[in-house]
Amino acid sequence: MLNEGTKAPDFALEGKDKKIIKLSDFLGKKVIVYFYPKDNTPGCTKQACAFASIFGQFEEKGIIVIGISKDSPASHEKFATKYELPFLLLSDPNLEAIKAYDVWKEKKLYGKIGMGIVRSTYLIDETGMIEKVYEKVKPDKNPEEILSYYEEKGV
């Protein structure tokens, strides 16, 4: 994982609408970047829906929410439509941002060991610095944790 207080790596990834989105596009705003394993899986759906349920509160605070996985833009489009997800979903099939943010790790699933995305969230401040890191997050609790963090800071 990257450390709090370090510069967040910039990325240029394709969104569900085929538009290239860069982290640097959001300088001057707070950004939540969350990495998740796969569209339409139980944990990832819980997390996305939890973000969607309180998205308005992030939006009121001027906070951008970005979800990143290695799924295709077409997969993201279906996922976003099915669950009415109002935030950005970016595709990273070449693992550029995923590896830059050090969330591509060895994982054990059903007794098999392989590489995959470890569910993690980075809060990035207006200057592009990593403000807070959440490792191995609980999908349904992570968005509320983040909202509480910002409210405690008076954002």
N, C-alpha and C. Protein backbone atom coordinates (compact mmCIF):
# COMPACT_ATOMS: atom_id res chain seq x y z
N MET A 1 0.83 -1.18 0.00
CA MET A 1 0.00 0.00 0.00
C MET A 1 0.88 1.25 0.00
N LEU A 2 0.35 2.28 -0.60
CA LEU A 2 1.05 3.56 -0.57
C LEU A 2 0.77 4.24 0.77
N ASN A 3 1.66 5.12 1.16
CA ASN A 3 1.56 5.76 2.47
C ASN A 3 0.81 7.09 2.41
N GLU A 4 0.15 7.40 3.52
CA GLU A 4 -0.48 8.69 3.67
C GLU A 4 0.61 9.75 3.62
N GLY A 5 0.29 10.90 3.02
CA GLY A 5 1.25 11.99 2.92
C GLY A 5 2.15 11.91 1.70
N THR A 6 1.95 10.90 0.84
CA THR A 6 2.73 10.80 -0.39
C THR A 6 1.87 11.23 -1.58
N LYS A 7 2.53 11.57 -2.67
CA LYS A 7 1.84 11.99 -3.89
C LYS A 7 1.08 10.81 -4.48
N ALA A 8 -0.18 11.03 -4.81
CA ALA A 8 -0.99 9.99 -5.43
C ALA A 8 -0.58 9.84 -6.89
N PRO A 9 -0.30 8.63 -7.34
CA PRO A 9 0.07 8.45 -8.75
C PRO A 9 -1.07 8.87 -9.67
N ASP A 10 -0.73 9.64 -10.69
CA ASP A 10 -1.75 10.03 -11.67
C ASP A 10 -2.07 8.82 -12.52
N PHE A 11 -3.23 8.82 -13.12
CA PHE A 11 -3.61 7.76 -14.05
C PHE A 11 -4.47 8.36 -15.14
N ALA A 12 -4.56 7.66 -16.24
CA ALA A 12 -5.43 8.02 -17.35
C ALA A 12 -6.13 6.73 -17.77
N LEU A 13 -7.39 6.58 -17.36
CA LEU A 13 -8.12 5.33 -17.59
C LEU A 13 -9.45 5.61 -18.27
N GLU A 14 -9.92 4.61 -18.98
CA GLU A 14 -11.17 4.74 -19.72
C GLU A 14 -12.37 4.51 -18.80
N GLY A 15 -13.32 5.41 -18.91
CA GLY A 15 -14.56 5.29 -18.16
C GLY A 15 -15.60 4.51 -18.94
N LYS A 16 -16.75 4.32 -18.31
CA LYS A 16 -17.81 3.53 -18.94
C LYS A 16 -18.34 4.18 -20.22
N ASP A 17 -18.13 5.48 -20.35
CA ASP A 17 -18.60 6.18 -21.55
C ASP A 17 -17.48 6.33 -22.60
N LYS A 18 -16.40 5.58 -22.44
CA LYS A 18 -15.24 5.56 -23.34
C LYS A 18 -14.37 6.82 -23.24
N LYS A 19 -14.69 7.70 -22.30
CA LYS A 19 -13.91 8.92 -22.10
C LYS A 19 -12.71 8.60 -21.19
N ILE A 20 -11.55 9.19 -21.51
CA ILE A 20 -10.36 9.00 -20.67
C ILE A 20 -10.44 9.98 -19.50
N ILE A 21 -10.32 9.44 -18.30
CA ILE A 21 -10.37 10.23 -17.07
C ILE A 21 -9.00 10.16 -16.41
N LYS A 22 -8.49 11.33 -16.01
CA LYS A 22 -7.21 11.38 -15.29
C LYS A 22 -7.46 11.85 -13.87
N LEU A 23 -6.68 11.33 -12.95
CA LEU A 23 -6.78 11.81 -11.57
C LEU A 23 -6.47 13.31 -11.54
N SER A 24 -5.50 13.73 -12.32
CA SER A 24 -5.09 15.14 -12.34
C SER A 24 -6.21 16.07 -12.82
N ASP A 25 -7.23 15.53 -13.47
CA ASP A 25 -8.40 16.34 -13.87
C ASP A 25 -9.11 16.92 -12.65
N PHE A 26 -8.89 16.31 -11.48
CA PHE A 26 -9.63 16.68 -10.28
C PHE A 26 -8.80 17.44 -9.25
N LEU A 27 -7.65 17.98 -9.67
CA LEU A 27 -6.86 18.80 -8.74
C LEU A 27 -7.75 19.94 -8.26
N GLY A 28 -7.68 20.24 -6.98
CA GLY A 28 -8.53 21.26 -6.39
C GLY A 28 -9.77 20.67 -5.73
N LYS A 29 -9.96 19.35 -5.88
CA LYS A 29 -11.10 18.66 -5.26
C LYS A 29 -10.60 17.47 -4.46
N LYS A 30 -11.39 17.07 -3.49
CA LYS A 30 -11.10 15.83 -2.77
C LYS A 30 -11.61 14.67 -3.61
N VAL A 31 -10.85 13.58 -3.63
CA VAL A 31 -11.20 12.42 -4.46
C VAL A 31 -11.09 11.14 -3.63
N ILE A 32 -12.11 10.31 -3.75
CA ILE A 32 -12.08 8.96 -3.19
C ILE A 32 -11.80 8.04 -4.36
N VAL A 33 -10.71 7.27 -4.27
CA VAL A 33 -10.41 6.27 -5.29
C VAL A 33 -10.47 4.92 -4.61
N TYR A 34 -11.45 4.12 -5.02
CA TYR A 34 -11.55 2.80 -4.43
C TYR A 34 -11.32 1.73 -5.49
N PHE A 35 -10.52 0.73 -5.10
CA PHE A 35 -10.17 -0.38 -5.98
C PHE A 35 -10.96 -1.60 -5.54
N TYR A 36 -11.55 -2.28 -6.50
CA TYR A 36 -12.37 -3.44 -6.18
C TYR A 36 -12.11 -4.55 -7.20
N PRO A 37 -12.31 -5.81 -6.81
CA PRO A 37 -11.95 -6.93 -7.68
C PRO A 37 -12.76 -7.09 -8.97
N LYS A 38 -14.11 -7.06 -8.90
CA LYS A 38 -14.87 -7.42 -10.10
C LYS A 38 -16.31 -6.94 -10.03
N ASP A 39 -16.77 -6.39 -11.16
CA ASP A 39 -18.17 -5.98 -11.28
C ASP A 39 -19.09 -7.17 -11.03
N ASN A 40 -20.26 -6.87 -10.47
CA ASN A 40 -21.34 -7.85 -10.30
C ASN A 40 -21.02 -9.05 -9.41
N THR A 41 -20.03 -8.92 -8.55
CA THR A 41 -19.77 -9.95 -7.55
C THR A 41 -20.37 -9.45 -6.23
N PRO A 42 -20.69 -10.34 -5.31
CA PRO A 42 -21.42 -9.93 -4.10
C PRO A 42 -20.77 -8.78 -3.31
N GLY A 43 -19.50 -8.91 -2.98
CA GLY A 43 -18.84 -7.87 -2.19
C GLY A 43 -18.71 -6.56 -2.94
N CYS A 44 -18.37 -6.64 -4.20
CA CYS A 44 -18.19 -5.43 -5.02
C CYS A 44 -19.52 -4.73 -5.24
N THR A 45 -20.59 -5.50 -5.39
CA THR A 45 -21.91 -4.92 -5.55
C THR A 45 -22.33 -4.23 -4.26
N LYS A 46 -22.08 -4.87 -3.11
CA LYS A 46 -22.40 -4.25 -1.81
C LYS A 46 -21.69 -2.91 -1.66
N GLN A 47 -20.40 -2.90 -2.00
CA GLN A 47 -19.61 -1.69 -1.83
C GLN A 47 -20.10 -0.58 -2.78
N ALA A 48 -20.33 -0.92 -4.03
CA ALA A 48 -20.80 0.06 -5.01
C ALA A 48 -22.16 0.63 -4.60
N CYS A 49 -23.05 -0.24 -4.17
CA CYS A 49 -24.39 0.21 -3.75
C CYS A 49 -24.32 1.05 -2.48
N ALA A 50 -23.39 0.72 -1.59
CA ALA A 50 -23.20 1.52 -0.37
C ALA A 50 -22.70 2.92 -0.73
N PHE A 51 -21.78 3.01 -1.69
CA PHE A 51 -21.33 4.33 -2.16
C PHE A 51 -22.49 5.07 -2.82
N ALA A 52 -23.27 4.37 -3.64
CA ALA A 52 -24.39 5.00 -4.34
C ALA A 52 -25.43 5.54 -3.35
N SER A 53 -25.66 4.80 -2.26
CA SER A 53 -26.71 5.19 -1.31
C SER A 53 -26.39 6.50 -0.60
N ILE A 54 -25.10 6.84 -0.46
CA ILE A 54 -24.75 8.10 0.21
C ILE A 54 -23.99 9.04 -0.73
N PHE A 55 -24.03 8.74 -2.02
CA PHE A 55 -23.30 9.55 -3.01
C PHE A 55 -23.68 11.02 -2.91
N GLY A 56 -24.96 11.31 -2.71
CA GLY A 56 -25.41 12.70 -2.61
C GLY A 56 -24.68 13.48 -1.53
N GLN A 57 -24.35 12.81 -0.44
CA GLN A 57 -23.63 13.48 0.66
C GLN A 57 -22.20 13.79 0.26
N PHE A 58 -21.57 12.89 -0.50
CA PHE A 58 -20.22 13.18 -1.01
C PHE A 58 -20.29 14.33 -2.01
N GLU A 59 -21.29 14.27 -2.87
CA GLU A 59 -21.46 15.29 -3.91
C GLU A 59 -21.68 16.67 -3.28
N GLU A 60 -22.49 16.75 -2.22
CA GLU A 60 -22.72 18.01 -1.52
C GLU A 60 -21.43 18.60 -0.97
N LYS A 61 -20.50 17.74 -0.59
CA LYS A 61 -19.22 18.18 -0.05
C LYS A 61 -18.20 18.43 -1.17
N GLY A 62 -18.60 18.21 -2.42
CA GLY A 62 -17.69 18.42 -3.55
C GLY A 62 -16.65 17.32 -3.69
N ILE A 63 -16.94 16.13 -3.16
CA ILE A 63 -15.99 15.01 -3.19
C ILE A 63 -16.31 14.11 -4.37
N ILE A 64 -15.30 13.81 -5.16
CA ILE A 64 -15.42 12.94 -6.34
C ILE A 64 -15.24 11.49 -5.89
N VAL A 65 -16.06 10.58 -6.41
CA VAL A 65 -15.94 9.15 -6.11
C VAL A 65 -15.58 8.42 -7.40
N ILE A 66 -14.50 7.63 -7.33
CA ILE A 66 -14.04 6.86 -8.49
C ILE A 66 -13.81 5.42 -8.06
N GLY A 67 -14.42 4.47 -8.76
CA GLY A 67 -14.18 3.05 -8.55
C GLY A 67 -13.33 2.53 -9.70
N ILE A 68 -12.32 1.72 -9.38
CA ILE A 68 -11.42 1.17 -10.40
C ILE A 68 -11.31 -0.34 -10.25
N SER A 69 -11.47 -1.03 -11.37
CA SER A 69 -11.21 -2.48 -11.43
C SER A 69 -10.64 -2.76 -12.81
N LYS A 70 -10.30 -4.03 -13.05
CA LYS A 70 -9.76 -4.36 -14.38
C LYS A 70 -10.85 -4.76 -15.37
N ASP A 71 -12.12 -4.63 -14.96
CA ASP A 71 -13.23 -4.92 -15.86
C ASP A 71 -13.25 -3.94 -17.03
N SER A 72 -13.87 -4.35 -18.11
CA SER A 72 -13.95 -3.52 -19.33
C SER A 72 -14.94 -2.37 -19.13
N PRO A 73 -14.82 -1.32 -19.96
CA PRO A 73 -15.81 -0.24 -19.90
C PRO A 73 -17.24 -0.76 -20.13
N ALA A 74 -17.40 -1.75 -21.01
CA ALA A 74 -18.73 -2.32 -21.27
C ALA A 74 -19.28 -2.98 -20.01
N SER A 75 -18.44 -3.70 -19.28
CA SER A 75 -18.85 -4.33 -18.03
C SER A 75 -19.26 -3.26 -17.02
N HIS A 76 -18.45 -2.19 -16.93
CA HIS A 76 -18.77 -1.09 -16.02
C HIS A 76 -20.11 -0.46 -16.38
N GLU A 77 -20.36 -0.30 -17.67
CA GLU A 77 -21.62 0.31 -18.12
C GLU A 77 -22.81 -0.52 -17.65
N LYS A 78 -22.73 -1.83 -17.84
CA LYS A 78 -23.82 -2.73 -17.41
C LYS A 78 -23.98 -2.69 -15.89
N PHE A 79 -22.87 -2.73 -15.18
CA PHE A 79 -22.87 -2.71 -13.71
C PHE A 79 -23.50 -1.41 -13.20
N ALA A 80 -23.07 -0.28 -13.77
CA ALA A 80 -23.58 1.02 -13.35
C ALA A 80 -25.07 1.17 -13.66
N THR A 81 -25.48 0.66 -14.80
CA THR A 81 -26.89 0.75 -15.18
C THR A 81 -27.75 -0.13 -14.29
N LYS A 82 -27.30 -1.36 -14.08
CA LYS A 82 -28.06 -2.31 -13.27
C LYS A 82 -28.32 -1.81 -11.85
N TYR A 83 -27.31 -1.18 -11.25
CA TYR A 83 -27.41 -0.75 -9.86
C TYR A 83 -27.55 0.78 -9.71
N GLU A 84 -27.76 1.48 -10.82
CA GLU A 84 -27.91 2.94 -10.81
C GLU A 84 -26.77 3.62 -10.06
N LEU A 85 -25.55 3.32 -10.47
CA LEU A 85 -24.36 3.87 -9.81
C LEU A 85 -24.06 5.25 -10.41
N PRO A 86 -24.08 6.31 -9.60
CA PRO A 86 -23.94 7.67 -10.12
C PRO A 86 -22.51 8.20 -10.21
N PHE A 87 -21.53 7.39 -9.84
CA PHE A 87 -20.15 7.86 -9.80
C PHE A 87 -19.33 7.21 -10.92
N LEU A 88 -18.07 7.64 -11.04
CA LEU A 88 -17.18 7.15 -12.09
C LEU A 88 -16.71 5.74 -11.81
N LEU A 89 -16.74 4.90 -12.84
CA LEU A 89 -16.12 3.58 -12.81
C LEU A 89 -15.10 3.56 -13.94
N LEU A 90 -13.85 3.26 -13.59
CA LEU A 90 -12.78 3.28 -14.58
C LEU A 90 -12.21 1.89 -14.78
N SER A 91 -11.82 1.64 -16.02
CA SER A 91 -11.30 0.34 -16.43
C SER A 91 -9.78 0.36 -16.48
N ASP A 92 -9.15 -0.62 -15.84
CA ASP A 92 -7.69 -0.72 -15.80
C ASP A 92 -7.24 -2.14 -16.17
N PRO A 93 -7.50 -2.56 -17.43
CA PRO A 93 -7.18 -3.93 -17.82
C PRO A 93 -5.68 -4.23 -17.82
N ASN A 94 -4.86 -3.19 -17.99
CA ASN A 94 -3.40 -3.39 -17.99
C ASN A 94 -2.78 -3.23 -16.61
N LEU A 95 -3.62 -3.03 -15.60
CA LEU A 95 -3.19 -2.94 -14.20
C LEU A 95 -2.26 -1.77 -13.90
N GLU A 96 -2.32 -0.72 -14.71
CA GLU A 96 -1.41 0.42 -14.52
C GLU A 96 -1.66 1.12 -13.17
N ALA A 97 -2.89 1.58 -12.94
CA ALA A 97 -3.20 2.25 -11.67
C ALA A 97 -3.23 1.24 -10.53
N ILE A 98 -3.75 0.06 -10.82
CA ILE A 98 -3.85 -1.00 -9.80
C ILE A 98 -2.47 -1.31 -9.21
N LYS A 99 -1.47 -1.43 -10.06
CA LYS A 99 -0.12 -1.70 -9.57
C LYS A 99 0.52 -0.44 -8.98
N ALA A 100 0.26 0.72 -9.59
CA ALA A 100 0.83 1.98 -9.07
C ALA A 100 0.36 2.25 -7.64
N TYR A 101 -0.87 1.84 -7.33
CA TYR A 101 -1.41 2.04 -5.98
C TYR A 101 -1.17 0.82 -5.08
N ASP A 102 -0.41 -0.14 -5.59
CA ASP A 102 0.02 -1.30 -4.81
C ASP A 102 -1.15 -2.10 -4.22
N VAL A 103 -2.18 -2.33 -5.05
CA VAL A 103 -3.32 -3.13 -4.60
C VAL A 103 -3.41 -4.47 -5.34
N TRP A 104 -2.43 -4.78 -6.19
CA TRP A 104 -2.36 -6.06 -6.90
C TRP A 104 -1.51 -6.98 -6.04
N LYS A 105 -2.15 -7.92 -5.39
CA LYS A 105 -1.47 -8.75 -4.39
C LYS A 105 -1.80 -10.22 -4.57
N GLU A 106 -1.01 -11.04 -3.91
CA GLU A 106 -1.30 -12.47 -3.86
C GLU A 106 -2.51 -12.67 -2.94
N LYS A 107 -3.46 -13.46 -3.42
CA LYS A 107 -4.68 -13.71 -2.65
C LYS A 107 -4.96 -15.21 -2.63
N LYS A 108 -5.65 -15.63 -1.59
CA LYS A 108 -6.05 -17.03 -1.49
C LYS A 108 -7.58 -17.07 -1.57
N LEU A 109 -8.10 -17.86 -2.51
CA LEU A 109 -9.53 -17.98 -2.68
C LEU A 109 -9.87 -19.45 -2.87
N TYR A 110 -10.69 -19.96 -1.99
CA TYR A 110 -11.09 -21.38 -2.04
C TYR A 110 -9.87 -22.31 -2.10
N GLY A 111 -8.84 -21.96 -1.33
CA GLY A 111 -7.65 -22.79 -1.25
C GLY A 111 -6.65 -22.58 -2.37
N LYS A 112 -7.02 -21.79 -3.38
CA LYS A 112 -6.11 -21.51 -4.49
C LYS A 112 -5.45 -20.16 -4.28
N ILE A 113 -4.16 -20.11 -4.64
CA ILE A 113 -3.41 -18.87 -4.52
C ILE A 113 -3.27 -18.27 -5.91
N GLY A 114 -3.56 -16.96 -6.00
CA GLY A 114 -3.42 -16.25 -7.27
C GLY A 114 -3.29 -14.76 -7.01
N MET A 115 -3.10 -14.02 -8.07
CA MET A 115 -2.97 -12.57 -7.95
C MET A 115 -4.34 -11.92 -8.18
N GLY A 116 -4.58 -10.84 -7.46
CA GLY A 116 -5.84 -10.13 -7.62
C GLY A 116 -5.81 -8.80 -6.89
N ILE A 117 -6.87 -8.05 -7.06
CA ILE A 117 -7.01 -6.75 -6.42
C ILE A 117 -7.46 -6.94 -4.98
N VAL A 118 -6.73 -6.32 -4.07
CA VAL A 118 -7.13 -6.29 -2.67
C VAL A 118 -7.98 -5.04 -2.50
N ARG A 119 -9.21 -5.22 -2.06
CA ARG A 119 -10.16 -4.11 -1.91
C ARG A 119 -9.55 -3.05 -1.00
N SER A 120 -9.30 -1.86 -1.57
CA SER A 120 -8.62 -0.79 -0.85
C SER A 120 -9.17 0.56 -1.31
N THR A 121 -9.08 1.55 -0.43
CA THR A 121 -9.58 2.88 -0.75
C THR A 121 -8.55 3.93 -0.35
N TYR A 122 -8.35 4.89 -1.25
CA TYR A 122 -7.46 6.02 -1.00
C TYR A 122 -8.26 7.31 -1.02
N LEU A 123 -8.03 8.16 -0.02
CA LEU A 123 -8.60 9.50 -0.02
C LEU A 123 -7.49 10.44 -0.44
N ILE A 124 -7.77 11.19 -1.48
CA ILE A 124 -6.75 12.07 -2.06
C ILE A 124 -7.22 13.52 -1.87
N ASP A 125 -6.31 14.35 -1.37
CA ASP A 125 -6.70 15.74 -1.09
C ASP A 125 -6.64 16.61 -2.35
N GLU A 126 -6.95 17.88 -2.18
CA GLU A 126 -7.04 18.81 -3.30
C GLU A 126 -5.72 19.03 -4.03
N THR A 127 -4.60 18.72 -3.36
CA THR A 127 -3.29 18.93 -3.99
C THR A 127 -2.75 17.66 -4.63
N GLY A 128 -3.52 16.58 -4.56
CA GLY A 128 -3.07 15.32 -5.15
C GLY A 128 -2.26 14.44 -4.21
N MET A 129 -2.32 14.75 -2.93
CA MET A 129 -1.59 13.94 -1.94
C MET A 129 -2.56 12.93 -1.31
N ILE A 130 -2.01 11.77 -0.93
CA ILE A 130 -2.82 10.75 -0.26
C ILE A 130 -3.05 11.20 1.18
N GLU A 131 -4.30 11.41 1.51
CA GLU A 131 -4.68 11.89 2.84
C GLU A 131 -4.94 10.73 3.81
N LYS A 132 -5.58 9.68 3.30
CA LYS A 132 -5.92 8.54 4.15
C LYS A 132 -6.00 7.28 3.29
N VAL A 133 -5.62 6.15 3.91
CA VAL A 133 -5.64 4.86 3.23
C VAL A 133 -6.48 3.89 4.05
N TYR A 134 -7.36 3.17 3.35
CA TYR A 134 -8.15 2.10 3.97
C TYR A 134 -7.76 0.80 3.27
N GLU A 135 -7.17 -0.12 4.02
CA GLU A 135 -6.75 -1.41 3.47
C GLU A 135 -7.76 -2.50 3.82
N LYS A 136 -7.89 -3.46 2.91
CA LYS A 136 -8.74 -4.64 3.15
C LYS A 136 -10.07 -4.22 3.77
N VAL A 137 -10.77 -3.34 3.09
CA VAL A 137 -11.99 -2.75 3.64
C VAL A 137 -13.18 -3.70 3.62
N LYS A 138 -14.13 -3.42 4.49
CA LYS A 138 -15.41 -4.15 4.49
C LYS A 138 -16.31 -3.43 3.48
N PRO A 139 -16.76 -4.13 2.46
CA PRO A 139 -17.47 -3.48 1.36
C PRO A 139 -18.67 -2.63 1.77
N ASP A 140 -19.49 -3.12 2.68
CA ASP A 140 -20.70 -2.39 3.03
C ASP A 140 -20.45 -1.28 4.06
N LYS A 141 -19.31 -1.28 4.71
CA LYS A 141 -19.00 -0.29 5.75
C LYS A 141 -18.10 0.84 5.25
N ASN A 142 -17.30 0.60 4.22
CA ASN A 142 -16.28 1.54 3.76
C ASN A 142 -16.82 2.94 3.43
N PRO A 143 -17.90 3.07 2.66
CA PRO A 143 -18.38 4.42 2.35
C PRO A 143 -18.79 5.22 3.59
N GLU A 144 -19.46 4.58 4.54
CA GLU A 144 -19.86 5.26 5.78
C GLU A 144 -18.64 5.67 6.60
N GLU A 145 -17.62 4.80 6.64
CA GLU A 145 -16.37 5.12 7.35
C GLU A 145 -15.77 6.40 6.78
N ILE A 146 -15.75 6.48 5.46
CA ILE A 146 -15.15 7.62 4.78
C ILE A 146 -15.97 8.88 5.07
N LEU A 147 -17.28 8.78 4.97
CA LEU A 147 -18.14 9.93 5.24
C LEU A 147 -17.92 10.42 6.68
N SER A 148 -17.84 9.50 7.63
CA SER A 148 -17.59 9.87 9.03
C SER A 148 -16.25 10.58 9.17
N TYR A 149 -15.24 10.07 8.47
CA TYR A 149 -13.91 10.68 8.52
C TYR A 149 -13.99 12.14 8.06
N TYR A 150 -14.63 12.36 6.91
CA TYR A 150 -14.73 13.73 6.40
C TYR A 150 -15.55 14.63 7.32
N GLU A 151 -16.62 14.09 7.90
CA GLU A 151 -17.45 14.89 8.80
C GLU A 151 -16.68 15.27 10.07
N GLU A 152 -15.86 14.35 10.58
CA GLU A 152 -15.02 14.64 11.75
C GLU A 152 -14.02 15.75 11.45
N LYS A 153 -13.58 15.80 10.19
CA LYS A 153 -12.62 16.84 9.77
C LYS A 153 -13.32 18.16 9.44
N GLY A 154 -14.65 18.16 9.47
CA GLY A 154 -15.40 19.37 9.17
C GLY A 154 -15.55 19.67 7.70
N VAL A 155 -15.44 18.64 6.87
CA VAL A 155 -15.61 18.83 5.41
C VAL A 155 -17.07 18.80 5.08
